[in-house]
């Protein structure tokens, strides 16, 4: 076998292997890929403000690949209908259970309060209320101005959430609104501090950036100490006892003939 024949055989083998490789690659790229497994989840048909009670018109089912479904996604419309939205939701968003609160008895606001927290309302004006730029869901610091050898200020609460302004738990316009009252979400301890601060001076709200989680030094406000007075020893009560006077005895005289006899008779 000459060299030409050997070279021809080698080239044939190389071209054969290359042809098989190209054919396999072509088949892999042109074979339809099986569709990813999908699951139905609940999405929003429109933008929904905080405090809204979800209705059927707000909800829709959408098929989403299982790999991209967020944890806690709501799977059925029945599980979402009638629930209260505890933060602003957007059109097309996959609804999650942590965004919802079960509607309880009473006002919608009561359903928005987190466990172990309370809603406390303070009176404000255009200055205290940050010129009307406060909206439900914003976070504020509370500053206390009071007199103590001159005027002093203390930050008494930090990064507290606004639940409502006046009687509104949501504001879709996102425009400044002058209000007369602001409702804050506080713990019982924070509520006591706020009441003490309000009693000793005026309050000012400072609006925070929603992404600002910086810690602020908070003044230590203690409750007024209650001084207990010692209990005085009780003196014995003098009792006046009425003792009736002894009954007097009456005298009876008996006449026997010419003799007189004295006889005492008890009453």
C-alpha atoms as a PDB file:
ATOM      1  CA  UNK A   1       0.000   0.000   0.000  1.00  0.00           C
ATOM      2  CA  UNK A   2       1.499   3.283  -1.110  1.00  0.00           C
ATOM      3  CA  UNK A   3       1.493   6.528   0.797  1.00  0.00           C
ATOM      4  CA  UNK A   4      -1.331   7.994  -1.258  1.00  0.00           C
ATOM      5  CA  UNK A   5      -3.707   5.233  -0.265  1.00  0.00           C
ATOM      6  CA  UNK A   6      -2.836   5.630   3.414  1.00  0.00           C
ATOM      7  CA  UNK A   7      -3.406   9.389   3.243  1.00  0.00           C
ATOM      8  CA  UNK A   8      -6.747   8.862   1.509  1.00  0.00           C
ATOM      9  CA  UNK A   9      -7.913   6.428   4.210  1.00  0.00           C
ATOM     10  CA  UNK A  10      -6.894   8.819   7.026  1.00  0.00           C
ATOM     11  CA  UNK A  11      -8.648  11.755   5.396  1.00  0.00           C
ATOM     12  CA  UNK A  12     -11.776   9.648   4.894  1.00  0.00           C
ATOM     13  CA  UNK A  13     -11.852   8.753   8.570  1.00  0.00           C
ATOM     14  CA  UNK A  14     -11.346  12.396   9.639  1.00  0.00           C
ATOM     15  CA  UNK A  15     -14.101  13.650   7.344  1.00  0.00           C
ATOM     16  CA  UNK A  16     -16.404  10.844   8.487  1.00  0.00           C
ATOM     17  CA  UNK A  17     -15.959  11.715  12.152  1.00  0.00           C
ATOM     18  CA  UNK A  18     -16.449  15.417  11.404  1.00  0.00           C
ATOM     19  CA  UNK A  19     -19.655  14.674   9.478  1.00  0.00           C
ATOM     20  CA  UNK A  20     -21.047  12.622  12.367  1.00  0.00           C
ATOM     21  CA  UNK A  21     -20.222  15.442  14.812  1.00  0.00           C
ATOM     22  CA  UNK A  22     -21.892  18.114  12.662  1.00  0.00           C
ATOM     23  CA  UNK A  23     -24.962  15.949  12.139  1.00  0.00           C
ATOM     24  CA  UNK A  24     -25.327  15.332  15.871  1.00  0.00           C
ATOM     25  CA  UNK A  25     -24.935  19.040  16.640  1.00  0.00           C
ATOM     26  CA  UNK A  26     -27.557  19.951  14.065  1.00  0.00           C
ATOM     27  CA  UNK A  27     -30.018  17.424  15.470  1.00  0.00           C
ATOM     28  CA  UNK A  28     -29.512  18.737  19.032  1.00  0.00           C
ATOM     29  CA  UNK A  29     -30.104  22.362  18.054  1.00  0.00           C
ATOM     30  CA  UNK A  30     -33.186  21.629  15.973  1.00  0.00           C
ATOM     31  CA  UNK A  31     -34.929  19.178  18.253  1.00  0.00           C
ATOM     32  CA  UNK A  32     -37.840  20.888  20.103  1.00  0.00           C
ATOM     33  CA  UNK A  33     -37.082  21.331  23.795  1.00  0.00           C
ATOM     34  CA  UNK A  34     -39.788  20.186  26.165  1.00  0.00           C
ATOM     35  CA  UNK A  35     -41.589  23.131  27.761  1.00  0.00           C
ATOM     36  CA  UNK A  36     -40.614  23.875  31.362  1.00  0.00           C
ATOM     37  CA  UNK A  37     -43.099  22.710  33.974  1.00  0.00           C
ATOM     38  CA  UNK A  38     -45.446  25.533  34.949  1.00  0.00           C
ATOM     39  CA  UNK A  39     -47.768  26.179  37.873  1.00  0.00           C
ATOM     40  CA  UNK A  40     -50.689  28.568  38.306  1.00  0.00           C
ATOM     41  CA  UNK A  41     -50.187  31.539  40.639  1.00  0.00           C
ATOM     42  CA  UNK A  42     -52.302  34.589  41.484  1.00  0.00           C
ATOM     43  CA  UNK A  43     -51.213  37.918  39.973  1.00  0.00           C
ATOM     44  CA  UNK A  44     -52.568  41.469  40.180  1.00  0.00           C
ATOM     45  CA  UNK A  45     -54.617  42.913  37.316  1.00  0.00           C
ATOM     46  CA  UNK A  46     -54.025  46.504  38.465  1.00  0.00           C
ATOM     47  CA  UNK A  47     -52.071  48.541  40.972  1.00  0.00           C
ATOM     48  CA  UNK A  48     -53.507  48.057  44.472  1.00  0.00           C
ATOM     49  CA  UNK A  49     -52.826  50.529  47.333  1.00  0.00           C
ATOM     50  CA  UNK A  50     -52.151  49.488  50.908  1.00  0.00           C
ATOM     51  CA  UNK A  51     -55.277  48.828  52.946  1.00  0.00           C
ATOM     52  CA  UNK A  52     -57.331  47.586  49.982  1.00  0.00           C
ATOM     53  CA  UNK A  53     -59.592  44.591  50.500  1.00  0.00           C
ATOM     54  CA  UNK A  54     -58.914  42.327  47.520  1.00  0.00           C
ATOM     55  CA  UNK A  55     -61.823  41.525  45.231  1.00  0.00           C
ATOM     56  CA  UNK A  56     -62.160  39.186  42.242  1.00  0.00           C
ATOM     57  CA  UNK A  57     -61.535  42.075  39.829  1.00  0.00           C
ATOM     58  CA  UNK A  58     -58.058  42.637  41.305  1.00  0.00           C
ATOM     59  CA  UNK A  59     -56.896  39.054  40.751  1.00  0.00           C
ATOM     60  CA  UNK A  60     -55.973  36.754  37.860  1.00  0.00           C
ATOM     61  CA  UNK A  61     -54.335  33.356  37.402  1.00  0.00           C
ATOM     62  CA  UNK A  62     -51.115  33.068  35.412  1.00  0.00           C
ATOM     63  CA  UNK A  63     -48.969  30.080  34.420  1.00  0.00           C
ATOM     64  CA  UNK A  64     -45.402  30.627  35.620  1.00  0.00           C
ATOM     65  CA  UNK A  65     -42.397  28.278  35.411  1.00  0.00           C
ATOM     66  CA  UNK A  66     -41.955  26.473  38.696  1.00  0.00           C
ATOM     67  CA  UNK A  67     -38.331  27.582  38.947  1.00  0.00           C
ATOM     68  CA  UNK A  68     -39.206  31.291  39.144  1.00  0.00           C
ATOM     69  CA  UNK A  69     -42.225  31.137  41.460  1.00  0.00           C
ATOM     70  CA  UNK A  70     -41.379  33.072  44.656  1.00  0.00           C
ATOM     71  CA  UNK A  71     -41.690  31.458  48.056  1.00  0.00           C
ATOM     72  CA  UNK A  72     -45.110  31.950  49.616  1.00  0.00           C
ATOM     73  CA  UNK A  73     -46.869  32.626  46.309  1.00  0.00           C
ATOM     74  CA  UNK A  74     -50.674  32.461  46.476  1.00  0.00           C
ATOM     75  CA  UNK A  75     -51.929  29.635  44.245  1.00  0.00           C
ATOM     76  CA  UNK A  76     -55.703  30.140  44.196  1.00  0.00           C
ATOM     77  CA  UNK A  77     -57.936  33.189  43.949  1.00  0.00           C
ATOM     78  CA  UNK A  78     -60.018  31.924  46.883  1.00  0.00           C
ATOM     79  CA  UNK A  79     -56.952  32.190  49.140  1.00  0.00           C
ATOM     80  CA  UNK A  80     -56.539  35.898  48.276  1.00  0.00           C
ATOM     81  CA  UNK A  81     -60.084  37.172  47.895  1.00  0.00           C
ATOM     82  CA  UNK A  82     -61.279  39.169  50.914  1.00  0.00           C
ATOM     83  CA  UNK A  83     -57.768  39.641  52.364  1.00  0.00           C
ATOM     84  CA  UNK A  84     -56.335  43.074  53.218  1.00  0.00           C
ATOM     85  CA  UNK A  85     -53.225  44.322  51.394  1.00  0.00           C
ATOM     86  CA  UNK A  86     -50.601  45.460  53.917  1.00  0.00           C
ATOM     87  CA  UNK A  87     -48.386  47.247  51.361  1.00  0.00           C
ATOM     88  CA  UNK A  88     -48.686  48.716  47.896  1.00  0.00           C
ATOM     89  CA  UNK A  89     -48.868  46.109  45.087  1.00  0.00           C
ATOM     90  CA  UNK A  90     -48.288  46.543  41.353  1.00  0.00           C
ATOM     91  CA  UNK A  91     -49.932  45.225  38.184  1.00  0.00           C
ATOM     92  CA  UNK A  92     -48.612  41.837  37.108  1.00  0.00           C
ATOM     93  CA  UNK A  93     -46.955  41.141  40.455  1.00  0.00           C
ATOM     94  CA  UNK A  94     -47.139  37.602  41.809  1.00  0.00           C
ATOM     95  CA  UNK A  95     -49.139  37.767  45.018  1.00  0.00           C
ATOM     96  CA  UNK A  96     -47.450  36.423  48.164  1.00  0.00           C
ATOM     97  CA  UNK A  97     -48.941  35.528  51.504  1.00  0.00           C
ATOM     98  CA  UNK A  98     -46.709  37.972  53.454  1.00  0.00           C
ATOM     99  CA  UNK A  99     -48.315  40.839  51.519  1.00  0.00           C
ATOM    100  CA  UNK A 100     -51.760  39.950  52.843  1.00  0.00           C
ATOM    101  CA  UNK A 101     -53.518  40.214  56.185  1.00  0.00           C
ATOM    102  CA  UNK A 102     -56.694  38.483  57.233  1.00  0.00           C
ATOM    103  CA  UNK A 103     -59.525  40.954  57.636  1.00  0.00           C
ATOM    104  CA  UNK A 104     -60.717  41.006  61.209  1.00  0.00           C
ATOM    105  CA  UNK A 105     -63.622  42.635  62.930  1.00  0.00           C
ATOM    106  CA  UNK A 106     -63.698  46.421  63.067  1.00  0.00           C
ATOM    107  CA  UNK A 107     -61.912  48.824  60.738  1.00  0.00           C
ATOM    108  CA  UNK A 108     -59.494  47.901  57.979  1.00  0.00           C
ATOM    109  CA  UNK A 109     -56.752  49.734  59.851  1.00  0.00           C
ATOM    110  CA  UNK A 110     -57.001  47.257  62.724  1.00  0.00           C
ATOM    111  CA  UNK A 111     -56.150  44.439  60.310  1.00  0.00           C
ATOM    112  CA  UNK A 112     -52.964  46.235  59.232  1.00  0.00           C
ATOM    113  CA  UNK A 113     -51.470  46.388  62.734  1.00  0.00           C
ATOM    114  CA  UNK A 114     -48.689  43.866  63.257  1.00  0.00           C
ATOM    115  CA  UNK A 115     -48.876  41.458  66.222  1.00  0.00           C
ATOM    116  CA  UNK A 116     -47.732  42.952  69.551  1.00  0.00           C
ATOM    117  CA  UNK A 117     -48.088  46.469  68.100  1.00  0.00           C
ATOM    118  CA  UNK A 118     -50.624  49.243  68.656  1.00  0.00           C
ATOM    119  CA  UNK A 119     -51.971  52.186  66.671  1.00  0.00           C
ATOM    120  CA  UNK A 120     -51.419  55.526  68.423  1.00  0.00           C
ATOM    121  CA  UNK A 121     -52.630  58.828  66.984  1.00  0.00           C
ATOM    122  CA  UNK A 122     -51.065  62.237  67.605  1.00  0.00           C
ATOM    123  CA  UNK A 123     -52.335  65.638  66.550  1.00  0.00           C
ATOM    124  CA  UNK A 124     -50.205  67.448  63.963  1.00  0.00           C
ATOM    125  CA  UNK A 125     -50.221  70.653  61.926  1.00  0.00           C
ATOM    126  CA  UNK A 126     -48.570  71.668  58.656  1.00  0.00           C
ATOM    127  CA  UNK A 127     -45.169  71.900  60.375  1.00  0.00           C
ATOM    128  CA  UNK A 128     -45.307  68.785  62.556  1.00  0.00           C
ATOM    129  CA  UNK A 129     -46.750  66.830  59.629  1.00  0.00           C
ATOM    130  CA  UNK A 130     -43.809  67.703  57.331  1.00  0.00           C
ATOM    131  CA  UNK A 131     -45.920  70.078  55.221  1.00  0.00           C
ATOM    132  CA  UNK A 132     -48.284  67.273  54.209  1.00  0.00           C
ATOM    133  CA  UNK A 133     -45.618  65.036  52.659  1.00  0.00           C
ATOM    134  CA  UNK A 134     -46.358  62.204  55.090  1.00  0.00           C
ATOM    135  CA  UNK A 135     -48.102  59.204  53.563  1.00  0.00           C
ATOM    136  CA  UNK A 136     -49.222  55.847  54.975  1.00  0.00           C
ATOM    137  CA  UNK A 137     -46.299  53.460  54.910  1.00  0.00           C
ATOM    138  CA  UNK A 138     -43.673  56.179  55.425  1.00  0.00           C
ATOM    139  CA  UNK A 139     -41.260  55.932  58.349  1.00  0.00           C
ATOM    140  CA  UNK A 140     -40.395  58.808  60.663  1.00  0.00           C
ATOM    141  CA  UNK A 141     -38.323  59.776  63.682  1.00  0.00           C
ATOM    142  CA  UNK A 142     -40.116  61.556  66.530  1.00  0.00           C
ATOM    143  CA  UNK A 143     -38.340  64.559  68.064  1.00  0.00           C
ATOM    144  CA  UNK A 144     -39.402  66.082  71.386  1.00  0.00           C
ATOM    145  CA  UNK A 145     -38.859  69.800  72.124  1.00  0.00           C
ATOM    146  CA  UNK A 146     -39.155  70.774  75.788  1.00  0.00           C
ATOM    147  CA  UNK A 147     -37.956  73.272  78.404  1.00  0.00           C
ATOM    148  CA  UNK A 148     -35.247  72.308  80.870  1.00  0.00           C
ATOM    149  CA  UNK A 149     -32.865  75.171  81.735  1.00  0.00           C
ATOM    150  CA  UNK A 150     -33.619  76.468  78.260  1.00  0.00           C
ATOM    151  CA  UNK A 151     -34.979  74.618  75.247  1.00  0.00           C
ATOM    152  CA  UNK A 152     -33.764  71.067  74.566  1.00  0.00           C
ATOM    153  CA  UNK A 153     -34.545  68.417  71.974  1.00  0.00           C
ATOM    154  CA  UNK A 154     -34.506  64.630  72.206  1.00  0.00           C
ATOM    155  CA  UNK A 155     -35.129  61.932  69.622  1.00  0.00           C
ATOM    156  CA  UNK A 156     -37.628  59.795  71.519  1.00  0.00           C
ATOM    157  CA  UNK A 157     -38.616  57.301  68.780  1.00  0.00           C
ATOM    158  CA  UNK A 158     -36.863  56.223  65.591  1.00  0.00           C
ATOM    159  CA  UNK A 159     -37.902  54.553  62.343  1.00  0.00           C
ATOM    160  CA  UNK A 160     -41.559  54.107  63.282  1.00  0.00           C
ATOM    161  CA  UNK A 161     -44.174  53.347  60.651  1.00  0.00           C
ATOM    162  CA  UNK A 162     -47.098  55.595  59.743  1.00  0.00           C
ATOM    163  CA  UNK A 163     -50.288  53.560  59.531  1.00  0.00           C
ATOM    164  CA  UNK A 164     -52.666  56.334  58.525  1.00  0.00           C
ATOM    165  CA  UNK A 165     -53.042  60.061  58.015  1.00  0.00           C
ATOM    166  CA  UNK A 166     -56.289  61.526  59.303  1.00  0.00           C
ATOM    167  CA  UNK A 167     -58.742  58.693  58.536  1.00  0.00           C
ATOM    168  CA  UNK A 168     -56.992  57.359  55.434  1.00  0.00           C
ATOM    169  CA  UNK A 169     -54.808  54.256  55.495  1.00  0.00           C
ATOM    170  CA  UNK A 170     -53.738  54.747  51.853  1.00  0.00           C
ATOM    171  CA  UNK A 171     -53.054  57.606  49.462  1.00  0.00           C
ATOM    172  CA  UNK A 172     -52.860  56.826  45.738  1.00  0.00           C
ATOM    173  CA  UNK A 173     -52.261  60.404  44.591  1.00  0.00           C
ATOM    174  CA  UNK A 174     -48.800  60.646  46.202  1.00  0.00           C
ATOM    175  CA  UNK A 175     -49.311  64.403  46.580  1.00  0.00           C
ATOM    176  CA  UNK A 176     -48.815  66.559  49.694  1.00  0.00           C
ATOM    177  CA  UNK A 177     -51.945  66.621  51.848  1.00  0.00           C
ATOM    178  CA  UNK A 178     -52.277  68.760  54.970  1.00  0.00           C
ATOM    179  CA  UNK A 179     -53.599  66.617  57.794  1.00  0.00           C
ATOM    180  CA  UNK A 180     -54.590  67.096  61.411  1.00  0.00           C
ATOM    181  CA  UNK A 181     -53.688  63.687  62.808  1.00  0.00           C
ATOM    182  CA  UNK A 182     -51.110  60.972  62.143  1.00  0.00           C
ATOM    183  CA  UNK A 183     -51.456  57.377  63.374  1.00  0.00           C
ATOM    184  CA  UNK A 184     -48.214  55.558  64.211  1.00  0.00           C
ATOM    185  CA  UNK A 185     -47.580  51.843  64.716  1.00  0.00           C
ATOM    186  CA  UNK A 186     -45.879  51.448  68.098  1.00  0.00           C
ATOM    187  CA  UNK A 187     -45.214  48.893  70.765  1.00  0.00           C
ATOM    188  CA  UNK A 188     -46.766  49.504  74.170  1.00  0.00           C
ATOM    189  CA  UNK A 189     -43.421  50.695  75.523  1.00  0.00           C
ATOM    190  CA  UNK A 190     -43.019  53.124  72.613  1.00  0.00           C
ATOM    191  CA  UNK A 191     -46.580  54.367  73.147  1.00  0.00           C
ATOM    192  CA  UNK A 192     -45.778  55.176  76.794  1.00  0.00           C
ATOM    193  CA  UNK A 193     -42.627  57.040  75.763  1.00  0.00           C
ATOM    194  CA  UNK A 194     -44.590  59.045  73.194  1.00  0.00           C
ATOM    195  CA  UNK A 195     -47.239  60.052  75.727  1.00  0.00           C
ATOM    196  CA  UNK A 196     -44.618  61.137  78.283  1.00  0.00           C
ATOM    197  CA  UNK A 197     -42.796  63.168  75.615  1.00  0.00           C
ATOM    198  CA  UNK A 198     -46.032  64.800  74.481  1.00  0.00           C
ATOM    199  CA  UNK A 199     -46.801  65.754  78.073  1.00  0.00           C
ATOM    200  CA  UNK A 200     -43.484  67.492  78.656  1.00  0.00           C
ATOM    201  CA  UNK A 201     -43.270  69.400  75.356  1.00  0.00           C
ATOM    202  CA  UNK A 202     -44.086  69.534  71.659  1.00  0.00           C
ATOM    203  CA  UNK A 203     -43.467  66.826  69.052  1.00  0.00           C
ATOM    204  CA  UNK A 204     -41.954  67.048  65.577  1.00  0.00           C
ATOM    205  CA  UNK A 205     -41.955  64.277  62.964  1.00  0.00           C
ATOM    206  CA  UNK A 206     -38.864  63.827  60.767  1.00  0.00           C
ATOM    207  CA  UNK A 207     -39.465  61.920  57.507  1.00  0.00           C
ATOM    208  CA  UNK A 208     -36.953  59.161  56.680  1.00  0.00           C
ATOM    209  CA  UNK A 209     -35.831  57.785  53.339  1.00  0.00           C
ATOM    210  CA  UNK A 210     -37.501  54.341  52.956  1.00  0.00           C
ATOM    211  CA  UNK A 211     -34.079  52.770  52.308  1.00  0.00           C
ATOM    212  CA  UNK A 212     -32.433  54.413  55.304  1.00  0.00           C
ATOM    213  CA  UNK A 213     -31.984  51.915  58.125  1.00  0.00           C
ATOM    214  CA  UNK A 214     -29.425  53.982  60.051  1.00  0.00           C
ATOM    215  CA  UNK A 215     -29.643  53.725  63.826  1.00  0.00           C
ATOM    216  CA  UNK A 216     -30.350  56.906  65.787  1.00  0.00           C
ATOM    217  CA  UNK A 217     -29.425  57.606  69.397  1.00  0.00           C
ATOM    218  CA  UNK A 218     -32.676  57.693  71.341  1.00  0.00           C
ATOM    219  CA  UNK A 219     -33.073  59.599  74.589  1.00  0.00           C
ATOM    220  CA  UNK A 220     -33.793  57.528  77.671  1.00  0.00           C
ATOM    221  CA  UNK A 221     -37.181  58.670  78.899  1.00  0.00           C
ATOM    222  CA  UNK A 222     -38.221  57.092  82.139  1.00  0.00           C
ATOM    223  CA  UNK A 223     -41.644  56.878  83.594  1.00  0.00           C
ATOM    224  CA  UNK A 224     -42.333  59.243  86.487  1.00  0.00           C
ATOM    225  CA  UNK A 225     -41.688  57.449  89.732  1.00  0.00           C
ATOM    226  CA  UNK A 226     -44.694  56.853  91.890  1.00  0.00           C
ATOM    227  CA  UNK A 227     -43.929  57.734  95.514  1.00  0.00           C
ATOM    228  CA  UNK A 228     -45.859  55.520  97.826  1.00  0.00           C
ATOM    229  CA  UNK A 229     -46.861  57.108 101.102  1.00  0.00           C
ATOM    230  CA  UNK A 230     -46.468  54.936 104.185  1.00  0.00           C
ATOM    231  CA  UNK A 231     -49.712  53.641 105.475  1.00  0.00           C
ATOM    232  CA  UNK A 232     -50.528  55.283 108.835  1.00  0.00           C
ATOM    233  CA  UNK A 233     -51.223  52.932 111.701  1.00  0.00           C
ATOM    234  CA  UNK A 234     -54.890  52.760 112.402  1.00  0.00           C
ATOM    235  CA  UNK A 235     -56.011  53.967 115.783  1.00  0.00           C
ATOM    236  CA  UNK A 236     -58.565  51.989 117.697  1.00  0.00           C
ATOM    237  CA  UNK A 237     -62.027  53.374 117.253  1.00  0.00           C
ATOM    238  CA  UNK A 238     -63.587  54.555 120.435  1.00  0.00           C
ATOM    239  CA  UNK A 239     -67.056  53.147 120.873  1.00  0.00           C
ATOM    240  CA  UNK A 240     -69.640  54.765 123.015  1.00  0.00           C
ATOM    241  CA  UNK A 241     -71.804  52.173 124.679  1.00  0.00           C
ATOM    242  CA  UNK A 242     -75.103  53.342 126.121  1.00  0.00           C
ATOM    243  CA  UNK A 243     -75.873  51.703 129.409  1.00  0.00           C
ATOM    244  CA  UNK A 244     -79.427  52.240 130.495  1.00  0.00           C
ATOM    245  CA  UNK A 245     -79.930  53.513 134.010  1.00  0.00           C
ATOM    246  CA  UNK A 246     -81.297  51.032 136.485  1.00  0.00           C
ATOM    247  CA  UNK A 247     -85.013  51.056 136.726  1.00  0.00           C
ATOM    248  CA  UNK A 248     -86.356  52.853 139.737  1.00  0.00           C
ATOM    249  CA  UNK A 249     -88.517  51.077 142.149  1.00  0.00           C
ATOM    250  CA  UNK A 250     -91.877  52.403 143.118  1.00  0.00           C
ATOM    251  CA  UNK A 251     -93.210  52.390 146.618  1.00  0.00           C
ATOM    252  CA  UNK A 252     -96.673  51.036 147.559  1.00  0.00           C
ATOM    253  CA  UNK A 253     -98.238  51.704 150.869  1.00  0.00           C
ATOM    254  CA  UNK A 254    -100.595  49.148 152.420  1.00  0.00           C
ATOM    255  CA  UNK A 255    -103.021  50.149 155.146  1.00  0.00           C
ATOM    256  CA  UNK A 256    -104.017  47.429 157.519  1.00  0.00           C
ATOM    257  CA  UNK A 257    -106.468  48.918 159.918  1.00  0.00           C
ATOM    258  CA  UNK A 258    -104.618  51.703 161.637  1.00  0.00           C
ATOM    259  CA  UNK A 259    -101.165  50.438 160.576  1.00  0.00           C
ATOM    260  CA  UNK A 260     -99.322  51.588 157.465  1.00  0.00           C
ATOM    261  CA  UNK A 261     -96.849  49.210 155.752  1.00  0.00           C
ATOM    262  CA  UNK A 262     -94.399  50.258 152.968  1.00  0.00           C
ATOM    263  CA  UNK A 263     -93.818  47.704 150.173  1.00  0.00           C
ATOM    264  CA  UNK A 264     -91.309  48.221 147.287  1.00  0.00           C
ATOM    265  CA  UNK A 265     -92.432  46.906 143.915  1.00  0.00           C
ATOM    266  CA  UNK A 266     -90.108  46.363 140.836  1.00  0.00           C
ATOM    267  CA  UNK A 267     -91.248  47.795 137.489  1.00  0.00           C
END
